[in-house]
């Protein structure tokens, strides 16, 4: 009787199983406030575009270094440039969004 009961159970088909979607964390950054504050403090108030560009480059470097998201790969004696892209799957810290914001600026 046990075998007959097991045979009557419906089989689960792979087509009916929905894929499990990864829940991504939500981050909120005040974009306009961050941009206006940075521009006012670092040169654009006086039209000093070079100073602001240098600030953005330094900030980008600090963010990438803090997240260990550098483009350079150390090899034997010589470093090699490898372009890294930020995907939605890899964002687990709000600082990745600041990299994207700073890159757009």
C-alpha atoms as a PDB file:
ATOM      1  CA  UNK A   1       0.000   0.000   0.000  1.00  0.00           C
ATOM      2  CA  UNK A   2       2.906   2.403   0.745  1.00  0.00           C
ATOM      3  CA  UNK A   3       4.217   2.063  -2.775  1.00  0.00           C
ATOM      4  CA  UNK A   4       0.787   2.742  -4.250  1.00  0.00           C
ATOM      5  CA  UNK A   5       0.450   5.982  -2.234  1.00  0.00           C
ATOM      6  CA  UNK A   6       3.880   7.192  -3.307  1.00  0.00           C
ATOM      7  CA  UNK A   7       3.000   6.583  -6.957  1.00  0.00           C
ATOM      8  CA  UNK A   8      -0.143   8.733  -6.718  1.00  0.00           C
ATOM      9  CA  UNK A   9       1.697  11.857  -5.509  1.00  0.00           C
ATOM     10  CA  UNK A  10       2.107  14.450  -8.257  1.00  0.00           C
ATOM     11  CA  UNK A  11       5.630  14.963  -9.507  1.00  0.00           C
ATOM     12  CA  UNK A  12       7.129  18.433  -9.355  1.00  0.00           C
ATOM     13  CA  UNK A  13       8.134  19.602 -12.801  1.00  0.00           C
ATOM     14  CA  UNK A  14      11.002  22.008 -13.324  1.00  0.00           C
ATOM     15  CA  UNK A  15       8.821  24.167 -15.588  1.00  0.00           C
ATOM     16  CA  UNK A  16       6.403  25.045 -12.776  1.00  0.00           C
ATOM     17  CA  UNK A  17       9.093  26.066 -10.277  1.00  0.00           C
ATOM     18  CA  UNK A  18       9.664  29.814 -10.218  1.00  0.00           C
ATOM     19  CA  UNK A  19      13.288  30.975  -9.961  1.00  0.00           C
ATOM     20  CA  UNK A  20      14.240  32.481  -6.632  1.00  0.00           C
ATOM     21  CA  UNK A  21      14.985  36.169  -7.054  1.00  0.00           C
ATOM     22  CA  UNK A  22      17.725  37.692  -4.968  1.00  0.00           C
ATOM     23  CA  UNK A  23      16.463  40.522  -2.774  1.00  0.00           C
ATOM     24  CA  UNK A  24      18.726  43.524  -3.287  1.00  0.00           C
ATOM     25  CA  UNK A  25      19.222  46.036  -0.483  1.00  0.00           C
ATOM     26  CA  UNK A  26      17.804  49.513  -0.967  1.00  0.00           C
ATOM     27  CA  UNK A  27      19.972  52.558  -0.456  1.00  0.00           C
ATOM     28  CA  UNK A  28      18.974  56.191  -0.332  1.00  0.00           C
ATOM     29  CA  UNK A  29      21.383  59.050  -1.024  1.00  0.00           C
ATOM     30  CA  UNK A  30      20.507  62.766  -1.216  1.00  0.00           C
ATOM     31  CA  UNK A  31      21.965  63.356  -4.693  1.00  0.00           C
ATOM     32  CA  UNK A  32      21.265  67.069  -5.121  1.00  0.00           C
ATOM     33  CA  UNK A  33      22.441  67.953  -1.607  1.00  0.00           C
ATOM     34  CA  UNK A  34      25.700  66.008  -2.020  1.00  0.00           C
ATOM     35  CA  UNK A  35      26.481  67.579  -5.410  1.00  0.00           C
ATOM     36  CA  UNK A  36      25.672  71.178  -4.449  1.00  0.00           C
ATOM     37  CA  UNK A  37      27.639  70.903  -1.206  1.00  0.00           C
ATOM     38  CA  UNK A  38      30.700  69.432  -2.958  1.00  0.00           C
ATOM     39  CA  UNK A  39      30.602  72.002  -5.756  1.00  0.00           C
ATOM     40  CA  UNK A  40      30.339  74.881  -3.295  1.00  0.00           C
ATOM     41  CA  UNK A  41      33.177  73.699  -1.087  1.00  0.00           C
ATOM     42  CA  UNK A  42      35.660  72.586  -3.737  1.00  0.00           C
ATOM     43  CA  UNK A  43      36.036  75.297  -6.332  1.00  0.00           C
ATOM     44  CA  UNK A  44      32.907  75.700  -8.447  1.00  0.00           C
ATOM     45  CA  UNK A  45      31.666  78.594  -6.316  1.00  0.00           C
ATOM     46  CA  UNK A  46      34.487  80.614  -7.861  1.00  0.00           C
ATOM     47  CA  UNK A  47      34.488  78.915 -11.260  1.00  0.00           C
ATOM     48  CA  UNK A  48      37.649  76.924 -10.495  1.00  0.00           C
ATOM     49  CA  UNK A  49      36.878  73.819 -12.558  1.00  0.00           C
ATOM     50  CA  UNK A  50      40.367  72.345 -12.286  1.00  0.00           C
ATOM     51  CA  UNK A  51      40.208  72.339  -8.487  1.00  0.00           C
ATOM     52  CA  UNK A  52      36.794  70.632  -8.560  1.00  0.00           C
ATOM     53  CA  UNK A  53      37.999  68.039 -11.100  1.00  0.00           C
ATOM     54  CA  UNK A  54      40.977  67.237  -8.870  1.00  0.00           C
ATOM     55  CA  UNK A  55      38.677  66.912  -5.858  1.00  0.00           C
ATOM     56  CA  UNK A  56      36.438  64.477  -7.756  1.00  0.00           C
ATOM     57  CA  UNK A  57      39.442  62.387  -8.813  1.00  0.00           C
ATOM     58  CA  UNK A  58      40.747  62.220  -5.229  1.00  0.00           C
ATOM     59  CA  UNK A  59      37.322  61.319  -3.864  1.00  0.00           C
ATOM     60  CA  UNK A  60      36.882  58.584  -6.479  1.00  0.00           C
ATOM     61  CA  UNK A  61      40.293  57.159  -5.572  1.00  0.00           C
ATOM     62  CA  UNK A  62      39.475  57.178  -1.834  1.00  0.00           C
ATOM     63  CA  UNK A  63      36.117  55.450  -2.404  1.00  0.00           C
ATOM     64  CA  UNK A  64      37.598  52.774  -4.662  1.00  0.00           C
ATOM     65  CA  UNK A  65      40.445  52.118  -2.235  1.00  0.00           C
ATOM     66  CA  UNK A  66      38.106  51.884   0.783  1.00  0.00           C
ATOM     67  CA  UNK A  67      35.924  49.345  -1.052  1.00  0.00           C
ATOM     68  CA  UNK A  68      38.932  47.464  -2.449  1.00  0.00           C
ATOM     69  CA  UNK A  69      37.508  48.078  -5.928  1.00  0.00           C
ATOM     70  CA  UNK A  70      40.667  49.221  -7.685  1.00  0.00           C
ATOM     71  CA  UNK A  71      41.262  48.878 -11.411  1.00  0.00           C
ATOM     72  CA  UNK A  72      44.901  47.896 -10.981  1.00  0.00           C
ATOM     73  CA  UNK A  73      45.985  44.324 -10.537  1.00  0.00           C
ATOM     74  CA  UNK A  74      49.431  43.743  -9.094  1.00  0.00           C
ATOM     75  CA  UNK A  75      51.566  41.307 -10.984  1.00  0.00           C
ATOM     76  CA  UNK A  76      55.225  40.445 -11.004  1.00  0.00           C
ATOM     77  CA  UNK A  77      56.940  43.808 -11.096  1.00  0.00           C
ATOM     78  CA  UNK A  78      54.332  45.557 -13.239  1.00  0.00           C
ATOM     79  CA  UNK A  79      50.743  46.575 -12.552  1.00  0.00           C
ATOM     80  CA  UNK A  80      48.045  45.833 -15.093  1.00  0.00           C
ATOM     81  CA  UNK A  81      44.917  47.917 -15.711  1.00  0.00           C
ATOM     82  CA  UNK A  82      41.673  45.928 -15.692  1.00  0.00           C
ATOM     83  CA  UNK A  83      38.399  47.839 -16.134  1.00  0.00           C
ATOM     84  CA  UNK A  84      35.833  46.911 -13.483  1.00  0.00           C
ATOM     85  CA  UNK A  85      32.145  47.695 -13.827  1.00  0.00           C
ATOM     86  CA  UNK A  86      29.603  48.120 -11.059  1.00  0.00           C
ATOM     87  CA  UNK A  87      26.609  45.791 -11.397  1.00  0.00           C
ATOM     88  CA  UNK A  88      23.416  45.823  -9.352  1.00  0.00           C
ATOM     89  CA  UNK A  89      24.299  42.392  -7.937  1.00  0.00           C
ATOM     90  CA  UNK A  90      27.552  43.556  -6.386  1.00  0.00           C
ATOM     91  CA  UNK A  91      26.186  46.627  -4.590  1.00  0.00           C
ATOM     92  CA  UNK A  92      26.159  45.799  -0.899  1.00  0.00           C
ATOM     93  CA  UNK A  93      27.350  49.186   0.353  1.00  0.00           C
ATOM     94  CA  UNK A  94      26.062  52.705  -0.301  1.00  0.00           C
ATOM     95  CA  UNK A  95      29.596  53.812  -1.224  1.00  0.00           C
ATOM     96  CA  UNK A  96      29.263  52.000  -4.566  1.00  0.00           C
ATOM     97  CA  UNK A  97      26.470  54.447  -5.413  1.00  0.00           C
ATOM     98  CA  UNK A  98      28.719  57.347  -4.462  1.00  0.00           C
ATOM     99  CA  UNK A  99      31.275  56.026  -6.971  1.00  0.00           C
ATOM    100  CA  UNK A 100      28.623  56.099  -9.707  1.00  0.00           C
ATOM    101  CA  UNK A 101      27.480  59.574  -8.637  1.00  0.00           C
ATOM    102  CA  UNK A 102      31.021  60.902  -8.555  1.00  0.00           C
ATOM    103  CA  UNK A 103      31.764  59.373 -11.957  1.00  0.00           C
ATOM    104  CA  UNK A 104      28.742  61.165 -13.434  1.00  0.00           C
ATOM    105  CA  UNK A 105      29.880  64.435 -11.899  1.00  0.00           C
END
